[in-house]
Amino acid sequence: MKATIYHNPACGTSRKALAILEEHGAEVEVVEYLEHRPSRAELVRLYQRAGISPREGLRAKDPLVAELGLLAPAVSDEHILDAMVEHPVLIERPLVETDKGVRLCRPQERVRELL
């Protein structure tokens, strides 16, 4: 099985999700998204496949979210996507994609849904 994980190696949940994939013998492509920013189109595709909105994919507890006012109800998904592209730290992780779909793997056990 092939899998892609949008990964932050400093995040324990992301490391645990990656370990689960590796334990199950997945051929994993690791995308360190803080260094290799996904495009707006890629984020849209991932969120559509996951069945979540960009707002649901936002790392809401990051201080930058409040600083940019992204939690206000009037803020559009388009504005949130633009902020994520400019500041990839705002992307909640880990996002994992396989042939079975895309999941935001919080908690990390959600990755098992894709195995």
C-alpha atoms as a PDB file:
ATOM      1  CA  MET A   1       0.000   0.000   0.000  1.00  0.00           C
ATOM      2  CA  LYS A   2       1.165   3.485  -0.837  1.00  0.00           C
ATOM      3  CA  ALA A   3       0.530   6.390   1.528  1.00  0.00           C
ATOM      4  CA  THR A   4       1.420  10.056   1.660  1.00  0.00           C
ATOM      5  CA  ILE A   5       1.672  11.805   5.000  1.00  0.00           C
ATOM      6  CA  TYR A   6       1.802  15.568   5.373  1.00  0.00           C
ATOM      7  CA  HIS A   7       4.112  15.471   8.332  1.00  0.00           C
ATOM      8  CA  ASN A   8       5.727  17.657  10.948  1.00  0.00           C
ATOM      9  CA  PRO A   9       8.528  15.664  12.610  1.00  0.00           C
ATOM     10  CA  ALA A  10       8.244  17.874  15.725  1.00  0.00           C
ATOM     11  CA  CYS A  11       4.633  16.708  16.273  1.00  0.00           C
ATOM     12  CA  GLY A  12       4.138  13.593  18.389  1.00  0.00           C
ATOM     13  CA  THR A  13       0.789  12.742  16.787  1.00  0.00           C
ATOM     14  CA  SER A  14       2.333  13.002  13.343  1.00  0.00           C
ATOM     15  CA  ARG A  15       5.272  10.787  14.359  1.00  0.00           C
ATOM     16  CA  LYS A  16       2.889   8.182  15.811  1.00  0.00           C
ATOM     17  CA  ALA A  17       0.725   8.150  12.668  1.00  0.00           C
ATOM     18  CA  LEU A  18       3.845   7.658  10.545  1.00  0.00           C
ATOM     19  CA  ALA A  19       4.942   4.788  12.803  1.00  0.00           C
ATOM     20  CA  ILE A  20       1.552   3.078  12.379  1.00  0.00           C
ATOM     21  CA  LEU A  21       1.857   3.342   8.599  1.00  0.00           C
ATOM     22  CA  GLU A  22       5.370   1.913   8.680  1.00  0.00           C
ATOM     23  CA  GLU A  23       4.342  -0.907  11.061  1.00  0.00           C
ATOM     24  CA  HIS A  24       1.716  -1.940   8.508  1.00  0.00           C
ATOM     25  CA  GLY A  25       4.284  -2.034   5.723  1.00  0.00           C
ATOM     26  CA  ALA A  26       2.997   0.980   3.825  1.00  0.00           C
ATOM     27  CA  GLU A  27       5.254   2.552   1.237  1.00  0.00           C
ATOM     28  CA  VAL A  28       5.183   6.052   2.696  1.00  0.00           C
ATOM     29  CA  GLU A  29       5.966   9.311   0.968  1.00  0.00           C
ATOM     30  CA  VAL A  30       6.696  11.831   3.715  1.00  0.00           C
ATOM     31  CA  VAL A  31       5.944  15.451   2.858  1.00  0.00           C
ATOM     32  CA  GLU A  32       7.370  17.803   5.453  1.00  0.00           C
ATOM     33  CA  TYR A  33       4.799  20.441   4.643  1.00  0.00           C
ATOM     34  CA  LEU A  34       6.512  23.225   6.610  1.00  0.00           C
ATOM     35  CA  GLU A  35       9.431  22.999   4.158  1.00  0.00           C
ATOM     36  CA  HIS A  36       7.528  21.857   1.055  1.00  0.00           C
ATOM     37  CA  ARG A  37       4.341  23.885   1.193  1.00  0.00           C
ATOM     38  CA  PRO A  38       1.314  22.344  -0.464  1.00  0.00           C
ATOM     39  CA  SER A  39      -0.358  24.526  -3.046  1.00  0.00           C
ATOM     40  CA  ARG A  40      -3.808  25.949  -2.553  1.00  0.00           C
ATOM     41  CA  ALA A  41      -5.130  23.487  -5.156  1.00  0.00           C
ATOM     42  CA  GLU A  42      -3.513  20.580  -3.313  1.00  0.00           C
ATOM     43  CA  LEU A  43      -5.094  21.643  -0.018  1.00  0.00           C
ATOM     44  CA  VAL A  44      -8.495  21.967  -1.680  1.00  0.00           C
ATOM     45  CA  ARG A  45      -8.122  18.491  -3.188  1.00  0.00           C
ATOM     46  CA  LEU A  46      -7.032  16.943   0.123  1.00  0.00           C
ATOM     47  CA  TYR A  47      -9.843  18.533   2.122  1.00  0.00           C
ATOM     48  CA  GLN A  48     -12.441  17.582  -0.482  1.00  0.00           C
ATOM     49  CA  ARG A  49     -11.233  13.996  -0.440  1.00  0.00           C
ATOM     50  CA  ALA A  50     -11.270  13.993   3.364  1.00  0.00           C
ATOM     51  CA  GLY A  51     -14.783  15.448   3.412  1.00  0.00           C
ATOM     52  CA  ILE A  52     -13.769  18.350   5.634  1.00  0.00           C
ATOM     53  CA  SER A  53     -13.712  22.101   5.205  1.00  0.00           C
ATOM     54  CA  PRO A  54     -10.531  24.182   5.324  1.00  0.00           C
ATOM     55  CA  ARG A  55     -11.806  25.544   8.650  1.00  0.00           C
ATOM     56  CA  GLU A  56     -11.856  21.952   9.994  1.00  0.00           C
ATOM     57  CA  GLY A  57      -8.311  21.507   8.690  1.00  0.00           C
ATOM     58  CA  LEU A  58      -7.078  24.641  10.465  1.00  0.00           C
ATOM     59  CA  ARG A  59      -4.685  24.258  13.379  1.00  0.00           C
ATOM     60  CA  ALA A  60      -6.933  26.405  15.565  1.00  0.00           C
ATOM     61  CA  LYS A  61      -4.710  26.380  18.643  1.00  0.00           C
ATOM     62  CA  ASP A  62      -1.766  27.998  16.871  1.00  0.00           C
ATOM     63  CA  PRO A  63      -1.405  31.594  18.152  1.00  0.00           C
ATOM     64  CA  LEU A  64      -1.170  32.859  14.564  1.00  0.00           C
ATOM     65  CA  VAL A  65      -4.786  31.811  13.988  1.00  0.00           C
ATOM     66  CA  ALA A  66      -6.007  34.297  16.593  1.00  0.00           C
ATOM     67  CA  GLU A  67      -3.531  36.932  15.441  1.00  0.00           C
ATOM     68  CA  LEU A  68      -4.912  36.688  11.893  1.00  0.00           C
ATOM     69  CA  GLY A  69      -8.519  36.573  13.121  1.00  0.00           C
ATOM     70  CA  LEU A  70      -9.202  33.280  11.332  1.00  0.00           C
ATOM     71  CA  LEU A  71     -11.687  31.955  13.892  1.00  0.00           C
ATOM     72  CA  ALA A  72     -14.258  34.673  13.209  1.00  0.00           C
ATOM     73  CA  PRO A  73     -17.408  33.130  11.693  1.00  0.00           C
ATOM     74  CA  ALA A  74     -17.331  35.572   8.765  1.00  0.00           C
ATOM     75  CA  VAL A  75     -13.891  34.390   7.609  1.00  0.00           C
ATOM     76  CA  SER A  76     -14.300  32.436   4.375  1.00  0.00           C
ATOM     77  CA  ASP A  77     -12.742  29.094   3.514  1.00  0.00           C
ATOM     78  CA  GLU A  78     -10.920  30.895   0.708  1.00  0.00           C
ATOM     79  CA  HIS A  79      -9.311  33.278   3.196  1.00  0.00           C
ATOM     80  CA  ILE A  80      -8.338  30.351   5.444  1.00  0.00           C
ATOM     81  CA  LEU A  81      -6.767  28.525   2.481  1.00  0.00           C
ATOM     82  CA  ASP A  82      -4.803  31.626   1.529  1.00  0.00           C
ATOM     83  CA  ALA A  83      -3.501  31.886   5.109  1.00  0.00           C
ATOM     84  CA  MET A  84      -2.525  28.198   5.111  1.00  0.00           C
ATOM     85  CA  VAL A  85      -0.574  28.577   1.890  1.00  0.00           C
ATOM     86  CA  GLU A  86       1.235  31.617   3.252  1.00  0.00           C
ATOM     87  CA  HIS A  87       1.717  30.112   6.740  1.00  0.00           C
ATOM     88  CA  PRO A  88       1.764  26.297   6.479  1.00  0.00           C
ATOM     89  CA  VAL A  89       2.073  26.040  10.272  1.00  0.00           C
ATOM     90  CA  LEU A  90      -1.692  26.679  10.216  1.00  0.00           C
ATOM     91  CA  ILE A  91      -2.351  23.308   8.546  1.00  0.00           C
ATOM     92  CA  GLU A  92      -3.507  20.739  11.104  1.00  0.00           C
ATOM     93  CA  ARG A  93      -1.519  17.551  10.917  1.00  0.00           C
ATOM     94  CA  PRO A  94      -1.040  14.848  10.057  1.00  0.00           C
ATOM     95  CA  LEU A  95      -2.987  14.555   6.857  1.00  0.00           C
ATOM     96  CA  VAL A  96      -2.658  11.079   5.367  1.00  0.00           C
ATOM     97  CA  GLU A  97      -3.712   9.954   1.904  1.00  0.00           C
ATOM     98  CA  THR A  98      -4.019   6.431   0.520  1.00  0.00           C
ATOM     99  CA  ASP A  99      -6.151   4.835  -2.193  1.00  0.00           C
ATOM    100  CA  LYS A 100      -8.874   4.568   0.473  1.00  0.00           C
ATOM    101  CA  GLY A 101      -9.078   8.324   0.972  1.00  0.00           C
ATOM    102  CA  VAL A 102      -7.689  11.165   3.076  1.00  0.00           C
ATOM    103  CA  ARG A 103      -7.923  11.575   6.828  1.00  0.00           C
ATOM    104  CA  LEU A 104      -6.849  14.204   9.276  1.00  0.00           C
ATOM    105  CA  CYS A 105      -5.321  11.726  11.704  1.00  0.00           C
ATOM    106  CA  ARG A 106      -6.079  13.297  15.057  1.00  0.00           C
ATOM    107  CA  PRO A 107      -5.948  11.147  17.032  1.00  0.00           C
ATOM    108  CA  GLN A 108      -3.272   9.172  15.247  1.00  0.00           C
ATOM    109  CA  GLU A 109      -5.381   5.989  15.398  1.00  0.00           C
ATOM    110  CA  ARG A 110      -7.551   7.436  12.613  1.00  0.00           C
ATOM    111  CA  VAL A 111      -4.796   6.429  10.203  1.00  0.00           C
ATOM    112  CA  ARG A 112      -5.986   2.830  10.612  1.00  0.00           C
ATOM    113  CA  GLU A 113      -9.135   3.784   8.660  1.00  0.00           C
ATOM    114  CA  LEU A 114      -6.894   4.104   5.599  1.00  0.00           C
ATOM    115  CA  LEU A 115      -5.060   0.784   5.931  1.00  0.00           C
END
